[in-house]
């Protein structure tokens, strides 16, 4: 992913030297499609806000409150999704791993 400074540098040189999109693409090793996309939106997208589609978040939240000691793969079996999807959903709910209040002795 290219930062904003690099993108603006490319378009400044393109304008200064009167380059076409094809010439700019060859010079910087960036596809023409990417250059057109950057022309429409210069700032890079940093997040993707996609809602959960398979997992009901309220059901998952209540399940975590009722059974805090369950493993993610156990929750995944109940919701008919992968353990990876449960992990992502728990991050969306800002539920982190259990922490031990006392560290174990070495």
PDB file of N, CA and C in Angstrom:
ATOM      1  N   UNK A   1       0.849  -1.165   0.000  1.00  0.00           N
ATOM      2  CA  UNK A   1       0.000   0.000   0.000  1.00  0.00           C
ATOM      3  C   UNK A   1       0.901   1.236   0.000  1.00  0.00           C
ATOM      4  N   UNK A   2       0.582   2.162  -0.843  1.00  0.00           N
ATOM      5  CA  UNK A   2       1.393   3.372  -0.975  1.00  0.00           C
ATOM      6  C   UNK A   2       0.780   4.495  -0.156  1.00  0.00           C
ATOM      7  N   UNK A   3       1.638   5.257   0.511  1.00  0.00           N
ATOM      8  CA  UNK A   3       1.143   6.334   1.360  1.00  0.00           C
ATOM      9  C   UNK A   3       0.770   7.562   0.530  1.00  0.00           C
ATOM     10  N   UNK A   4       0.150   8.508   1.188  1.00  0.00           N
ATOM     11  CA  UNK A   4      -0.351   9.710   0.531  1.00  0.00           C
ATOM     12  C   UNK A   4       0.773  10.530  -0.088  1.00  0.00           C
ATOM     13  N   UNK A   5       1.918  10.577   0.577  1.00  0.00           N
ATOM     14  CA  UNK A   5       3.054  11.351   0.067  1.00  0.00           C
ATOM     15  C   UNK A   5       3.535  10.813  -1.276  1.00  0.00           C
ATOM     16  N   UNK A   6       3.625   9.498  -1.387  1.00  0.00           N
ATOM     17  CA  UNK A   6       4.059   8.869  -2.636  1.00  0.00           C
ATOM     18  C   UNK A   6       3.051   9.143  -3.750  1.00  0.00           C
ATOM     19  N   UNK A   7       1.774   9.021  -3.431  1.00  0.00           N
ATOM     20  CA  UNK A   7       0.730   9.241  -4.433  1.00  0.00           C
ATOM     21  C   UNK A   7       0.757  10.674  -4.956  1.00  0.00           C
ATOM     22  N   UNK A   8       0.857  11.636  -4.048  1.00  0.00           N
ATOM     23  CA  UNK A   8       0.869  13.033  -4.482  1.00  0.00           C
ATOM     24  C   UNK A   8       2.149  13.352  -5.267  1.00  0.00           C
ATOM     25  N   UNK A   9       3.261  12.700  -4.907  1.00  0.00           N
ATOM     26  CA  UNK A   9       4.519  12.871  -5.634  1.00  0.00           C
ATOM     27  C   UNK A   9       4.366  12.398  -7.085  1.00  0.00           C
ATOM     28  N   UNK A  10       3.722  11.262  -7.265  1.00  0.00           N
ATOM     29  CA  UNK A  10       3.510  10.724  -8.608  1.00  0.00           C
ATOM     30  C   UNK A  10       2.699  11.702  -9.452  1.00  0.00           C
ATOM     31  N   UNK A  11       1.609  12.222  -8.896  1.00  0.00           N
ATOM     32  CA  UNK A  11       0.756  13.119  -9.679  1.00  0.00           C
ATOM     33  C   UNK A  11       1.419  14.481  -9.902  1.00  0.00           C
ATOM     34  N   UNK A  12       2.262  14.914  -8.975  1.00  0.00           N
ATOM     35  CA  UNK A  12       2.990  16.161  -9.176  1.00  0.00           C
ATOM     36  C   UNK A  12       3.974  16.015 -10.342  1.00  0.00           C
ATOM     37  N   UNK A  13       4.708  14.895 -10.393  1.00  0.00           N
ATOM     38  CA  UNK A  13       5.629  14.655 -11.503  1.00  0.00           C
ATOM     39  C   UNK A  13       4.895  14.456 -12.823  1.00  0.00           C
ATOM     40  N   UNK A  14       3.746  13.804 -12.748  1.00  0.00           N
ATOM     41  CA  UNK A  14       2.940  13.602 -13.956  1.00  0.00           C
ATOM     42  C   UNK A  14       2.539  14.946 -14.542  1.00  0.00           C
ATOM     43  N   UNK A  15       2.111  15.851 -13.682  1.00  0.00           N
ATOM     44  CA  UNK A  15       1.686  17.175 -14.142  1.00  0.00           C
ATOM     45  C   UNK A  15       2.886  18.007 -14.616  1.00  0.00           C
ATOM     46  N   UNK A  16       3.969  17.969 -13.843  1.00  0.00           N
ATOM     47  CA  UNK A  16       5.154  18.775 -14.145  1.00  0.00           C
ATOM     48  C   UNK A  16       5.783  18.385 -15.481  1.00  0.00           C
ATOM     49  N   UNK A  17       5.894  17.075 -15.726  1.00  0.00           N
ATOM     50  CA  UNK A  17       6.553  16.595 -16.940  1.00  0.00           C
ATOM     51  C   UNK A  17       5.583  16.325 -18.084  1.00  0.00           C
ATOM     52  N   UNK A  18       4.292  16.504 -17.822  1.00  0.00           N
ATOM     53  CA  UNK A  18       3.292  16.299 -18.879  1.00  0.00           C
ATOM     54  C   UNK A  18       3.182  14.855 -19.323  1.00  0.00           C
ATOM     55  N   UNK A  19       3.298  13.930 -18.383  1.00  0.00           N
ATOM     56  CA  UNK A  19       3.241  12.507 -18.707  1.00  0.00           C
ATOM     57  C   UNK A  19       1.797  12.039 -18.868  1.00  0.00           C
ATOM     58  N   UNK A  20       1.619  11.018 -19.687  1.00  0.00           N
ATOM     59  CA  UNK A  20       0.313  10.379 -19.792  1.00  0.00           C
ATOM     60  C   UNK A  20       0.201   9.337 -18.680  1.00  0.00           C
ATOM     61  N   UNK A  21      -0.997   8.790 -18.530  1.00  0.00           N
ATOM     62  CA  UNK A  21      -1.179   7.753 -17.510  1.00  0.00           C
ATOM     63  C   UNK A  21      -0.343   6.518 -17.850  1.00  0.00           C
ATOM     64  N   UNK A  22      -0.229   6.197 -19.125  1.00  0.00           N
ATOM     65  CA  UNK A  22       0.551   5.028 -19.533  1.00  0.00           C
ATOM     66  C   UNK A  22       2.027   5.224 -19.201  1.00  0.00           C
ATOM     67  N   UNK A  23       2.556   6.412 -19.490  1.00  0.00           N
ATOM     68  CA  UNK A  23       3.966   6.700 -19.196  1.00  0.00           C
ATOM     69  C   UNK A  23       4.219   6.724 -17.687  1.00  0.00           C
ATOM     70  N   UNK A  24       3.282   7.295 -16.939  1.00  0.00           N
ATOM     71  CA  UNK A  24       3.411   7.331 -15.475  1.00  0.00           C
ATOM     72  C   UNK A  24       3.381   5.922 -14.906  1.00  0.00           C
ATOM     73  N   UNK A  25       2.510   5.094 -15.466  1.00  0.00           N
ATOM     74  CA  UNK A  25       2.396   3.707 -15.014  1.00  0.00           C
ATOM     75  C   UNK A  25       3.706   2.957 -15.217  1.00  0.00           C
ATOM     76  N   UNK A  26       4.305   3.109 -16.373  1.00  0.00           N
ATOM     77  CA  UNK A  26       5.570   2.423 -16.652  1.00  0.00           C
ATOM     78  C   UNK A  26       6.700   2.958 -15.772  1.00  0.00           C
ATOM     79  N   UNK A  27       6.736   4.267 -15.584  1.00  0.00           N
ATOM     80  CA  UNK A  27       7.833   4.884 -14.835  1.00  0.00           C
ATOM     81  C   UNK A  27       7.845   4.472 -13.371  1.00  0.00           C
ATOM     82  N   UNK A  28       6.670   4.409 -12.745  1.00  0.00           N
ATOM     83  CA  UNK A  28       6.601   4.120 -11.313  1.00  0.00           C
ATOM     84  C   UNK A  28       6.199   2.680 -10.996  1.00  0.00           C
ATOM     85  N   UNK A  29       5.871   1.893 -11.996  1.00  0.00           N
ATOM     86  CA  UNK A  29       5.511   0.505 -11.755  1.00  0.00           C
ATOM     87  C   UNK A  29       4.173   0.347 -11.054  1.00  0.00           C
ATOM     88  N   UNK A  30       3.254   1.259 -11.353  1.00  0.00           N
ATOM     89  CA  UNK A  30       1.915   1.215 -10.777  1.00  0.00           C
ATOM     90  C   UNK A  30       0.943   1.075 -11.939  1.00  0.00           C
ATOM     91  N   UNK A  31      -0.049   0.214 -11.794  1.00  0.00           N
ATOM     92  CA  UNK A  31      -0.968  -0.013 -12.901  1.00  0.00           C
ATOM     93  C   UNK A  31      -1.802   1.232 -13.207  1.00  0.00           C
ATOM     94  N   UNK A  32      -2.266   1.312 -14.442  1.00  0.00           N
ATOM     95  CA  UNK A  32      -3.085   2.458 -14.835  1.00  0.00           C
ATOM     96  C   UNK A  32      -4.393   2.486 -14.062  1.00  0.00           C
ATOM     97  N   UNK A  33      -4.935   1.327 -13.795  1.00  0.00           N
ATOM     98  CA  UNK A  33      -6.187   1.231 -13.031  1.00  0.00           C
ATOM     99  C   UNK A  33      -6.005   1.849 -11.641  1.00  0.00           C
ATOM    100  N   UNK A  34      -4.863   1.585 -11.037  1.00  0.00           N
ATOM    101  CA  UNK A  34      -4.558   2.150  -9.719  1.00  0.00           C
ATOM    102  C   UNK A  34      -4.427   3.664  -9.796  1.00  0.00           C
ATOM    103  N   UNK A  35      -3.788   4.150 -10.842  1.00  0.00           N
ATOM    104  CA  UNK A  35      -3.640   5.596 -10.995  1.00  0.00           C
ATOM    105  C   UNK A  35      -4.996   6.286 -11.140  1.00  0.00           C
ATOM    106  N   UNK A  36      -5.894   5.666 -11.898  1.00  0.00           N
ATOM    107  CA  UNK A  36      -7.234   6.244 -12.047  1.00  0.00           C
ATOM    108  C   UNK A  36      -7.987   6.238 -10.719  1.00  0.00           C
ATOM    109  N   UNK A  37      -7.818   5.168  -9.949  1.00  0.00           N
ATOM    110  CA  UNK A  37      -8.468   5.098  -8.635  1.00  0.00           C
ATOM    111  C   UNK A  37      -7.907   6.157  -7.698  1.00  0.00           C
ATOM    112  N   UNK A  38      -6.586   6.354  -7.745  1.00  0.00           N
ATOM    113  CA  UNK A  38      -5.951   7.377  -6.904  1.00  0.00           C
ATOM    114  C   UNK A  38      -6.398   8.770  -7.318  1.00  0.00           C
ATOM    115  N   UNK A  39      -6.659   8.967  -8.608  1.00  0.00           N
ATOM    116  CA  UNK A  39      -7.090  10.270  -9.084  1.00  0.00           C
ATOM    117  C   UNK A  39      -8.456  10.627  -8.477  1.00  0.00           C
ATOM    118  N   UNK A  40      -9.301   9.620  -8.316  1.00  0.00           N
ATOM    119  CA  UNK A  40     -10.621   9.853  -7.716  1.00  0.00           C
ATOM    120  C   UNK A  40     -10.527  10.048  -6.203  1.00  0.00           C
ATOM    121  N   UNK A  41      -9.685   9.250  -5.556  1.00  0.00           N
ATOM    122  CA  UNK A  41      -9.543   9.306  -4.102  1.00  0.00           C
ATOM    123  C   UNK A  41      -8.073   9.183  -3.759  1.00  0.00           C
ATOM    124  N   UNK A  42      -7.479  10.302  -3.369  1.00  0.00           N
ATOM    125  CA  UNK A  42      -6.035  10.322  -3.119  1.00  0.00           C
ATOM    126  C   UNK A  42      -5.669   9.646  -1.789  1.00  0.00           C
ATOM    127  N   UNK A  43      -6.484   9.817  -0.743  1.00  0.00           N
ATOM    128  CA  UNK A  43      -6.148   9.264   0.570  1.00  0.00           C
ATOM    129  C   UNK A  43      -6.381   7.752   0.572  1.00  0.00           C
ATOM    130  N   UNK A  44      -5.443   6.996   1.133  1.00  0.00           N
ATOM    131  CA  UNK A  44      -5.650   5.548   1.224  1.00  0.00           C
ATOM    132  C   UNK A  44      -6.718   5.207   2.250  1.00  0.00           C
ATOM    133  N   UNK A  45      -7.493   4.172   1.961  1.00  0.00           N
ATOM    134  CA  UNK A  45      -8.499   3.714   2.911  1.00  0.00           C
ATOM    135  C   UNK A  45      -7.796   2.936   4.011  1.00  0.00           C
ATOM    136  N   UNK A  46      -8.111   3.255   5.245  1.00  0.00           N
ATOM    137  CA  UNK A  46      -7.426   2.602   6.353  1.00  0.00           C
ATOM    138  C   UNK A  46      -8.274   1.531   7.015  1.00  0.00           C
ATOM    139  N   UNK A  47      -9.585   1.663   6.951  1.00  0.00           N
ATOM    140  CA  UNK A  47     -10.445   0.671   7.578  1.00  0.00           C
ATOM    141  C   UNK A  47     -11.517   0.234   6.611  1.00  0.00           C
ATOM    142  N   UNK A  48     -12.059  -0.901   6.903  1.00  0.00           N
ATOM    143  CA  UNK A  48     -13.158  -1.425   6.117  1.00  0.00           C
ATOM    144  C   UNK A  48     -14.283  -1.732   7.093  1.00  0.00           C
ATOM    145  N   UNK A  49     -15.363  -1.019   6.978  1.00  0.00           N
ATOM    146  CA  UNK A  49     -16.460  -1.209   7.923  1.00  0.00           C
ATOM    147  C   UNK A  49     -17.504  -2.124   7.302  1.00  0.00           C
ATOM    148  N   UNK A  50     -17.311  -3.409   7.516  1.00  0.00           N
ATOM    149  CA  UNK A  50     -18.232  -4.398   6.993  1.00  0.00           C
ATOM    150  C   UNK A  50     -18.919  -5.065   8.180  1.00  0.00           C
ATOM    151  N   UNK A  51     -20.238  -5.059   8.226  1.00  0.00           N
ATOM    152  CA  UNK A  51     -20.922  -5.665   9.362  1.00  0.00           C
ATOM    153  C   UNK A  51     -20.845  -7.192   9.315  1.00  0.00           C
ATOM    154  N   UNK A  52     -21.050  -7.796  10.462  1.00  0.00           N
ATOM    155  CA  UNK A  52     -21.070  -9.254  10.537  1.00  0.00           C
ATOM    156  C   UNK A  52     -22.298  -9.761   9.790  1.00  0.00           C
ATOM    157  N   UNK A  53     -22.124 -10.809   9.005  1.00  0.00           N
ATOM    158  CA  UNK A  53     -23.247 -11.296   8.222  1.00  0.00           C
ATOM    159  C   UNK A  53     -23.800 -12.622   8.736  1.00  0.00           C
ATOM    160  N   UNK A  54     -22.941 -13.482   9.244  1.00  0.00           N
ATOM    161  CA  UNK A  54     -23.405 -14.796   9.678  1.00  0.00           C
ATOM    162  C   UNK A  54     -23.646 -14.888  11.180  1.00  0.00           C
ATOM    163  N   UNK A  55     -22.941 -14.093  11.944  1.00  0.00           N
ATOM    164  CA  UNK A  55     -22.990 -14.213  13.395  1.00  0.00           C
ATOM    165  C   UNK A  55     -23.861 -13.114  13.974  1.00  0.00           C
ATOM    166  N   UNK A  56     -24.839 -13.517  14.780  1.00  0.00           N
ATOM    167  CA  UNK A  56     -25.655 -12.536  15.493  1.00  0.00           C
ATOM    168  C   UNK A  56     -24.846 -12.063  16.697  1.00  0.00           C
ATOM    169  N   UNK A  57     -24.466 -10.797  16.678  1.00  0.00           N
ATOM    170  CA  UNK A  57     -23.546 -10.275  17.687  1.00  0.00           C
ATOM    171  C   UNK A  57     -24.154 -10.263  19.091  1.00  0.00           C
ATOM    172  N   UNK A  58     -25.428 -10.009  19.195  1.00  0.00           N
ATOM    173  CA  UNK A  58     -26.070 -10.001  20.520  1.00  0.00           C
ATOM    174  C   UNK A  58     -26.120 -11.405  21.114  1.00  0.00           C
ATOM    175  N   UNK A  59     -26.359 -12.398  20.275  1.00  0.00           N
ATOM    176  CA  UNK A  59     -26.363 -13.791  20.747  1.00  0.00           C
ATOM    177  C   UNK A  59     -24.961 -14.182  21.204  1.00  0.00           C
ATOM    178  N   UNK A  60     -23.959 -13.768  20.445  1.00  0.00           N
ATOM    179  CA  UNK A  60     -22.575 -14.067  20.820  1.00  0.00           C
ATOM    180  C   UNK A  60     -22.211 -13.376  22.131  1.00  0.00           C
ATOM    181  N   UNK A  61     -22.619 -12.122  22.299  1.00  0.00           N
ATOM    182  CA  UNK A  61     -22.328 -11.397  23.540  1.00  0.00           C
ATOM    183  C   UNK A  61     -22.961 -12.087  24.745  1.00  0.00           C
ATOM    184  N   UNK A  62     -24.216 -12.517  24.606  1.00  0.00           N
ATOM    185  CA  UNK A  62     -24.873 -13.210  25.728  1.00  0.00           C
ATOM    186  C   UNK A  62     -24.223 -14.567  25.983  1.00  0.00           C
ATOM    187  N   UNK A  63     -23.769 -15.240  24.931  1.00  0.00           N
ATOM    188  CA  UNK A  63     -23.086 -16.521  25.092  1.00  0.00           C
ATOM    189  C   UNK A  63     -21.779 -16.342  25.865  1.00  0.00           C
ATOM    190  N   UNK A  64     -21.054 -15.256  25.586  1.00  0.00           N
ATOM    191  CA  UNK A  64     -19.798 -14.988  26.295  1.00  0.00           C
ATOM    192  C   UNK A  64     -20.077 -14.682  27.764  1.00  0.00           C
ATOM    193  N   UNK A  65     -21.163 -13.971  28.045  1.00  0.00           N
ATOM    194  CA  UNK A  65     -21.504 -13.662  29.434  1.00  0.00           C
ATOM    195  C   UNK A  65     -21.940 -14.903  30.204  1.00  0.00           C
ATOM    196  N   UNK A  66     -22.688 -15.789  29.532  1.00  0.00           N
ATOM    197  CA  UNK A  66     -23.156 -17.012  30.193  1.00  0.00           C
ATOM    198  C   UNK A  66     -22.040 -18.032  30.371  1.00  0.00           C
ATOM    199  N   UNK A  67     -21.197 -18.166  29.360  1.00  0.00           N
ATOM    200  CA  UNK A  67     -20.140 -19.188  29.369  1.00  0.00           C
ATOM    201  C   UNK A  67     -18.785 -18.537  29.069  1.00  0.00           C
ATOM    202  N   UNK A  68     -18.183 -17.858  30.028  1.00  0.00           N
ATOM    203  CA  UNK A  68     -16.926 -17.151  29.752  1.00  0.00           C
ATOM    204  C   UNK A  68     -15.729 -18.083  29.540  1.00  0.00           C
ATOM    205  N   UNK A  69     -15.825 -19.354  29.944  1.00  0.00           N
ATOM    206  CA  UNK A  69     -14.681 -20.264  29.855  1.00  0.00           C
ATOM    207  C   UNK A  69     -14.662 -21.102  28.586  1.00  0.00           C
ATOM    208  N   UNK A  70     -15.620 -20.907  27.694  1.00  0.00           N
ATOM    209  CA  UNK A  70     -15.661 -21.719  26.480  1.00  0.00           C
ATOM    210  C   UNK A  70     -14.565 -21.301  25.510  1.00  0.00           C
ATOM    211  N   UNK A  71     -14.111 -22.259  24.724  1.00  0.00           N
ATOM    212  CA  UNK A  71     -13.124 -22.002  23.681  1.00  0.00           C
ATOM    213  C   UNK A  71     -13.816 -21.435  22.447  1.00  0.00           C
ATOM    214  N   UNK A  72     -13.031 -20.788  21.597  1.00  0.00           N
ATOM    215  CA  UNK A  72     -13.613 -20.203  20.386  1.00  0.00           C
ATOM    216  C   UNK A  72     -14.139 -21.275  19.440  1.00  0.00           C
ATOM    217  N   UNK A  73     -13.468 -22.399  19.378  1.00  0.00           N
ATOM    218  CA  UNK A  73     -13.934 -23.451  18.478  1.00  0.00           C
ATOM    219  C   UNK A  73     -15.266 -24.025  18.947  1.00  0.00           C
ATOM    220  N   UNK A  74     -15.512 -24.007  20.264  1.00  0.00           N
ATOM    221  CA  UNK A  74     -16.802 -24.466  20.778  1.00  0.00           C
ATOM    222  C   UNK A  74     -17.916 -23.486  20.395  1.00  0.00           C
ATOM    223  N   UNK A  75     -17.615 -22.211  20.507  1.00  0.00           N
ATOM    224  CA  UNK A  75     -18.593 -21.206  20.076  1.00  0.00           C
ATOM    225  C   UNK A  75     -18.838 -21.314  18.569  1.00  0.00           C
ATOM    226  N   UNK A  76     -17.790 -21.582  17.821  1.00  0.00           N
ATOM    227  CA  UNK A  76     -17.908 -21.694  16.368  1.00  0.00           C
ATOM    228  C   UNK A  76     -18.828 -22.841  15.969  1.00  0.00           C
ATOM    229  N   UNK A  77     -18.747 -23.943  16.674  1.00  0.00           N
ATOM    230  CA  UNK A  77     -19.627 -25.066  16.370  1.00  0.00           C
ATOM    231  C   UNK A  77     -21.085 -24.704  16.612  1.00  0.00           C
ATOM    232  N   UNK A  78     -21.361 -23.964  17.678  1.00  0.00           N
ATOM    233  CA  UNK A  78     -22.739 -23.566  17.971  1.00  0.00           C
ATOM    234  C   UNK A  78     -23.292 -22.587  16.940  1.00  0.00           C
ATOM    235  N   UNK A  79     -22.442 -21.706  16.435  1.00  0.00           N
ATOM    236  CA  UNK A  79     -22.889 -20.689  15.479  1.00  0.00           C
ATOM    237  C   UNK A  79     -22.711 -21.127  14.022  1.00  0.00           C
ATOM    238  N   UNK A  80     -22.168 -22.319  13.793  1.00  0.00           N
ATOM    239  CA  UNK A  80     -21.956 -22.879  12.451  1.00  0.00           C
ATOM    240  C   UNK A  80     -21.047 -21.996  11.599  1.00  0.00           C
ATOM    241  N   UNK A  81     -19.970 -21.514  12.211  1.00  0.00           N
ATOM    242  CA  UNK A  81     -18.960 -20.728  11.509  1.00  0.00           C
ATOM    243  C   UNK A  81     -17.588 -21.235  11.938  1.00  0.00           C
ATOM    244  N   UNK A  82     -16.537 -20.634  11.417  1.00  0.00           N
ATOM    245  CA  UNK A  82     -15.186 -21.049  11.783  1.00  0.00           C
ATOM    246  C   UNK A  82     -14.742 -20.357  13.076  1.00  0.00           C
ATOM    247  N   UNK A  83     -13.732 -20.913  13.701  1.00  0.00           N
ATOM    248  CA  UNK A  83     -13.187 -20.312  14.919  1.00  0.00           C
ATOM    249  C   UNK A  83     -12.573 -18.951  14.600  1.00  0.00           C
ATOM    250  N   UNK A  84     -12.020 -18.803  13.399  1.00  0.00           N
ATOM    251  CA  UNK A  84     -11.463 -17.526  12.960  1.00  0.00           C
ATOM    252  C   UNK A  84     -12.545 -16.452  12.936  1.00  0.00           C
ATOM    253  N   UNK A  85     -13.744 -16.806  12.444  1.00  0.00           N
ATOM    254  CA  UNK A  85     -14.854 -15.850  12.386  1.00  0.00           C
ATOM    255  C   UNK A  85     -15.296 -15.446  13.786  1.00  0.00           C
ATOM    256  N   UNK A  86     -15.264 -16.389  14.718  1.00  0.00           N
ATOM    257  CA  UNK A  86     -15.618 -16.063  16.103  1.00  0.00           C
ATOM    258  C   UNK A  86     -14.587 -15.102  16.685  1.00  0.00           C
ATOM    259  N   UNK A  87     -13.323 -15.345  16.403  1.00  0.00           N
ATOM    260  CA  UNK A  87     -12.270 -14.450  16.892  1.00  0.00           C
ATOM    261  C   UNK A  87     -12.447 -13.037  16.373  1.00  0.00           C
ATOM    262  N   UNK A  88     -12.764 -12.907  15.074  1.00  0.00           N
ATOM    263  CA  UNK A  88     -12.997 -11.590  14.495  1.00  0.00           C
ATOM    264  C   UNK A  88     -14.213 -10.918  15.130  1.00  0.00           C
ATOM    265  N   UNK A  89     -15.269 -11.694  15.369  1.00  0.00           N
ATOM    266  CA  UNK A  89     -16.485 -11.147  15.969  1.00  0.00           C
ATOM    267  C   UNK A  89     -16.225 -10.688  17.401  1.00  0.00           C
ATOM    268  N   UNK A  90     -15.414 -11.446  18.131  1.00  0.00           N
ATOM    269  CA  UNK A  90     -15.083 -11.039  19.497  1.00  0.00           C
ATOM    270  C   UNK A  90     -14.271  -9.746  19.494  1.00  0.00           C
ATOM    271  N   UNK A  91     -13.410  -9.569  18.487  1.00  0.00           N
ATOM    272  CA  UNK A  91     -12.669  -8.313  18.383  1.00  0.00           C
ATOM    273  C   UNK A  91     -13.598  -7.151  18.068  1.00  0.00           C
ATOM    274  N   UNK A  92     -14.622  -7.408  17.233  1.00  0.00           N
ATOM    275  CA  UNK A  92     -15.603  -6.358  16.942  1.00  0.00           C
ATOM    276  C   UNK A  92     -16.350  -5.943  18.193  1.00  0.00           C
ATOM    277  N   UNK A  93     -16.596  -6.908  19.072  1.00  0.00           N
ATOM    278  CA  UNK A  93     -17.299  -6.630  20.331  1.00  0.00           C
ATOM    279  C   UNK A  93     -16.345  -6.100  21.397  1.00  0.00           C
ATOM    280  N   UNK A  94     -15.088  -5.960  21.072  1.00  0.00           N
ATOM    281  CA  UNK A  94     -14.012  -5.544  21.991  1.00  0.00           C
ATOM    282  C   UNK A  94     -13.947  -6.422  23.226  1.00  0.00           C
ATOM    283  N   UNK A  95     -14.062  -7.716  22.999  1.00  0.00           N
ATOM    284  CA  UNK A  95     -13.903  -8.698  24.070  1.00  0.00           C
ATOM    285  C   UNK A  95     -12.538  -9.324  23.871  1.00  0.00           C
ATOM    286  N   UNK A  96     -11.674  -9.185  24.881  1.00  0.00           N
ATOM    287  CA  UNK A  96     -10.319  -9.687  24.753  1.00  0.00           C
ATOM    288  C   UNK A  96     -10.160 -10.994  25.525  1.00  0.00           C
ATOM    289  N   UNK A  97      -8.968 -11.510  25.499  1.00  0.00           N
ATOM    290  CA  UNK A  97      -8.670 -12.740  26.220  1.00  0.00           C
ATOM    291  C   UNK A  97      -8.786 -12.535  27.719  1.00  0.00           C
ATOM    292  N   UNK A  98      -9.063 -13.636  28.428  1.00  0.00           N
ATOM    293  CA  UNK A  98      -9.082 -13.543  29.884  1.00  0.00           C
ATOM    294  C   UNK A  98      -7.674 -13.292  30.375  1.00  0.00           C
ATOM    295  N   UNK A  99      -7.554 -12.445  31.347  1.00  0.00           N
ATOM    296  CA  UNK A  99      -6.256 -12.145  31.926  1.00  0.00           C
ATOM    297  C   UNK A  99      -6.202 -12.707  33.345  1.00  0.00           C
ATOM    298  N   UNK A 100      -5.073 -13.271  33.713  1.00  0.00           N
ATOM    299  CA  UNK A 100      -4.881 -13.721  35.081  1.00  0.00           C
ATOM    300  C   UNK A 100      -4.493 -12.537  35.933  1.00  0.00           C
ATOM    301  N   UNK A 101      -5.163 -12.364  37.065  1.00  0.00           N
ATOM    302  CA  UNK A 101      -4.846 -11.223  37.906  1.00  0.00           C
ATOM    303  C   UNK A 101      -3.511 -11.426  38.647  1.00  0.00           C
ATOM    304  N   UNK A 102      -3.126 -12.697  38.849  1.00  0.00           N
ATOM    305  CA  UNK A 102      -1.869 -13.004  39.519  1.00  0.00           C
ATOM    306  C   UNK A 102      -1.001 -13.786  38.535  1.00  0.00           C
ATOM    307  N   UNK A 103       0.246 -13.372  38.373  1.00  0.00           N
ATOM    308  CA  UNK A 103       1.118 -14.088  37.462  1.00  0.00           C
ATOM    309  C   UNK A 103       1.596 -15.383  38.108  1.00  0.00           C
ATOM    310  N   UNK A 104       1.771 -16.435  37.297  1.00  0.00           N
ATOM    311  CA  UNK A 104       2.241 -17.706  37.868  1.00  0.00           C
ATOM    312  C   UNK A 104       3.684 -17.607  38.316  1.00  0.00           C
ATOM    313  N   UNK A 105       4.015 -18.391  39.316  1.00  0.00           N
ATOM    314  CA  UNK A 105       5.398 -18.374  39.810  1.00  0.00           C
ATOM    315  C   UNK A 105       6.260 -19.243  38.901  1.00  0.00           C
ATOM    316  N   UNK A 106       7.491 -18.803  38.685  1.00  0.00           N
ATOM    317  CA  UNK A 106       8.410 -19.534  37.804  1.00  0.00           C
ATOM    318  C   UNK A 106       9.084 -20.639  38.571  1.00  0.00           C
TER     319      UNK A 106
END
